[in-house]
Amino acid sequence: MFEESEVINLILGLVSLVIVFYEIRKRMIPDFHLFFAGFVLIVMARIFTVAEGLFLEDILNILEHICYALSALLFAAGCISLSANRSSEMKR
């Protein structure tokens, strides 16, 4: 069985994903697609969290943690990319 807080987190994540999707159109942040992909993986992890309460507990739990790990890598890559862009701008 799943907890109510997991469902609320999923709903908030989905709403936030829509907001972030509209913000990506502005393209104010370079390499924002890395951050967006990381955020999508976090929402997918929340979906797996809720679904694991219903069926396939072990498999969905592993997928949840894989999504969190990949999202961390994407956020780190986005931060490194932002840092590289800033340092190249400062050298000019």
C-alpha atoms as a PDB file:
ATOM      1  CA  MET A   1       0.000   0.000   0.000  1.00  0.00           C
ATOM      2  CA  PHE A   2       1.191   3.514  -0.692  1.00  0.00           C
ATOM      3  CA  GLU A   3       1.122   6.495   1.631  1.00  0.00           C
ATOM      4  CA  GLU A   4      -0.854   9.667   1.062  1.00  0.00           C
ATOM      5  CA  SER A   5       2.308  11.772   1.238  1.00  0.00           C
ATOM      6  CA  GLU A   6       3.740   9.848  -1.716  1.00  0.00           C
ATOM      7  CA  VAL A   7       0.666  10.641  -3.801  1.00  0.00           C
ATOM      8  CA  ILE A   8       0.815  14.316  -2.816  1.00  0.00           C
ATOM      9  CA  ASN A   9       4.519  14.436  -3.734  1.00  0.00           C
ATOM     10  CA  LEU A  10       3.682  12.895  -7.101  1.00  0.00           C
ATOM     11  CA  ILE A  11       0.938  15.451  -7.779  1.00  0.00           C
ATOM     12  CA  LEU A  12       3.204  18.339  -6.784  1.00  0.00           C
ATOM     13  CA  GLY A  13       5.981  16.919  -8.954  1.00  0.00           C
ATOM     14  CA  LEU A  14       3.713  16.653 -11.985  1.00  0.00           C
ATOM     15  CA  VAL A  15       2.427  20.206 -11.538  1.00  0.00           C
ATOM     16  CA  SER A  16       5.983  21.460 -11.106  1.00  0.00           C
ATOM     17  CA  LEU A  17       7.047  19.565 -14.220  1.00  0.00           C
ATOM     18  CA  VAL A  18       4.460  21.461 -16.263  1.00  0.00           C
ATOM     19  CA  ILE A  19       5.720  24.771 -14.870  1.00  0.00           C
ATOM     20  CA  VAL A  20       9.339  23.856 -15.585  1.00  0.00           C
ATOM     21  CA  PHE A  21       8.373  22.766 -19.102  1.00  0.00           C
ATOM     22  CA  TYR A  22       6.970  26.222 -19.836  1.00  0.00           C
ATOM     23  CA  GLU A  23      10.061  27.833 -18.357  1.00  0.00           C
ATOM     24  CA  ILE A  24      12.320  25.798 -20.631  1.00  0.00           C
ATOM     25  CA  ARG A  25      10.819  27.669 -23.577  1.00  0.00           C
ATOM     26  CA  LYS A  26      12.416  30.881 -22.314  1.00  0.00           C
ATOM     27  CA  ARG A  27      15.875  29.271 -22.479  1.00  0.00           C
ATOM     28  CA  MET A  28      17.348  31.696 -20.011  1.00  0.00           C
ATOM     29  CA  ILE A  29      19.729  29.081 -18.634  1.00  0.00           C
ATOM     30  CA  PRO A  30      22.255  27.440 -20.947  1.00  0.00           C
ATOM     31  CA  ASP A  31      22.096  23.636 -20.994  1.00  0.00           C
ATOM     32  CA  PHE A  32      18.766  23.756 -19.187  1.00  0.00           C
ATOM     33  CA  HIS A  33      17.829  20.481 -20.900  1.00  0.00           C
ATOM     34  CA  LEU A  34      20.129  18.637 -18.465  1.00  0.00           C
ATOM     35  CA  PHE A  35      18.265  20.073 -15.494  1.00  0.00           C
ATOM     36  CA  PHE A  36      14.915  19.347 -17.121  1.00  0.00           C
ATOM     37  CA  ALA A  37      15.886  15.717 -17.789  1.00  0.00           C
ATOM     38  CA  GLY A  38      16.994  15.377 -14.168  1.00  0.00           C
ATOM     39  CA  PHE A  39      13.686  16.774 -12.998  1.00  0.00           C
ATOM     40  CA  VAL A  40      11.779  14.359 -15.256  1.00  0.00           C
ATOM     41  CA  LEU A  41      13.722  11.483 -13.680  1.00  0.00           C
ATOM     42  CA  ILE A  42      12.751  12.681 -10.206  1.00  0.00           C
ATOM     43  CA  VAL A  43       9.080  12.726 -11.217  1.00  0.00           C
ATOM     44  CA  MET A  44       9.490   9.239 -12.701  1.00  0.00           C
ATOM     45  CA  ALA A  45      11.002   8.076  -9.398  1.00  0.00           C
ATOM     46  CA  ARG A  46       7.942   9.417  -7.600  1.00  0.00           C
ATOM     47  CA  ILE A  47       5.691   7.547 -10.026  1.00  0.00           C
ATOM     48  CA  PHE A  48       7.631   4.354  -9.297  1.00  0.00           C
ATOM     49  CA  THR A  49       7.285   5.032  -5.559  1.00  0.00           C
ATOM     50  CA  VAL A  50       3.508   5.168  -5.783  1.00  0.00           C
ATOM     51  CA  ALA A  51       3.316   2.231  -8.198  1.00  0.00           C
ATOM     52  CA  GLU A  52       5.494   0.015  -6.012  1.00  0.00           C
ATOM     53  CA  GLY A  53       2.781   0.202  -3.382  1.00  0.00           C
ATOM     54  CA  LEU A  54       0.447  -1.505  -5.834  1.00  0.00           C
ATOM     55  CA  PHE A  55       2.563  -4.129  -7.654  1.00  0.00           C
ATOM     56  CA  LEU A  56       6.123  -5.269  -8.496  1.00  0.00           C
ATOM     57  CA  GLU A  57       7.618  -3.838  -5.316  1.00  0.00           C
ATOM     58  CA  ASP A  58      11.218  -4.962  -5.796  1.00  0.00           C
ATOM     59  CA  ILE A  59      11.577  -4.008  -9.458  1.00  0.00           C
ATOM     60  CA  LEU A  60       9.936  -0.608  -9.077  1.00  0.00           C
ATOM     61  CA  ASN A  61      12.005   0.132  -5.986  1.00  0.00           C
ATOM     62  CA  ILE A  62      15.192  -0.519  -7.961  1.00  0.00           C
ATOM     63  CA  LEU A  63      13.923   1.659 -10.825  1.00  0.00           C
ATOM     64  CA  GLU A  64      13.102   4.414  -8.344  1.00  0.00           C
ATOM     65  CA  HIS A  65      16.638   4.473  -6.984  1.00  0.00           C
ATOM     66  CA  ILE A  66      18.161   4.279 -10.466  1.00  0.00           C
ATOM     67  CA  CYS A  67      16.111   7.337 -11.454  1.00  0.00           C
ATOM     68  CA  TYR A  68      17.332   9.250  -8.400  1.00  0.00           C
ATOM     69  CA  ALA A  69      20.950   8.332  -9.175  1.00  0.00           C
ATOM     70  CA  LEU A  70      20.659   9.332 -12.837  1.00  0.00           C
ATOM     71  CA  SER A  71      18.966  12.600 -11.913  1.00  0.00           C
ATOM     72  CA  ALA A  72      21.844  13.412  -9.567  1.00  0.00           C
ATOM     73  CA  LEU A  73      24.294  12.782 -12.406  1.00  0.00           C
ATOM     74  CA  LEU A  74      22.311  15.002 -14.761  1.00  0.00           C
ATOM     75  CA  PHE A  75      22.122  17.810 -12.198  1.00  0.00           C
ATOM     76  CA  ALA A  76      25.868  17.528 -11.629  1.00  0.00           C
ATOM     77  CA  ALA A  77      26.507  17.613 -15.386  1.00  0.00           C
ATOM     78  CA  GLY A  78      24.277  20.671 -15.671  1.00  0.00           C
ATOM     79  CA  CYS A  79      26.155  22.441 -12.887  1.00  0.00           C
ATOM     80  CA  ILE A  80      29.510  21.583 -14.457  1.00  0.00           C
ATOM     81  CA  SER A  81      28.264  22.845 -17.813  1.00  0.00           C
ATOM     82  CA  LEU A  82      27.041  26.103 -16.258  1.00  0.00           C
ATOM     83  CA  SER A  83      30.354  26.527 -14.514  1.00  0.00           C
ATOM     84  CA  ALA A  84      32.266  25.913 -17.754  1.00  0.00           C
ATOM     85  CA  ASN A  85      30.100  28.452 -19.591  1.00  0.00           C
ATOM     86  CA  ARG A  86      30.657  31.044 -16.873  1.00  0.00           C
ATOM     87  CA  SER A  87      34.414  30.552 -16.842  1.00  0.00           C
ATOM     88  CA  SER A  88      34.609  30.821 -20.639  1.00  0.00           C
ATOM     89  CA  GLU A  89      32.589  34.068 -20.497  1.00  0.00           C
ATOM     90  CA  MET A  90      34.906  35.475 -17.845  1.00  0.00           C
ATOM     91  CA  LYS A  91      38.013  34.743 -19.952  1.00  0.00           C
ATOM     92  CA  ARG A  92      36.734  36.856 -22.835  1.00  0.00           C
END
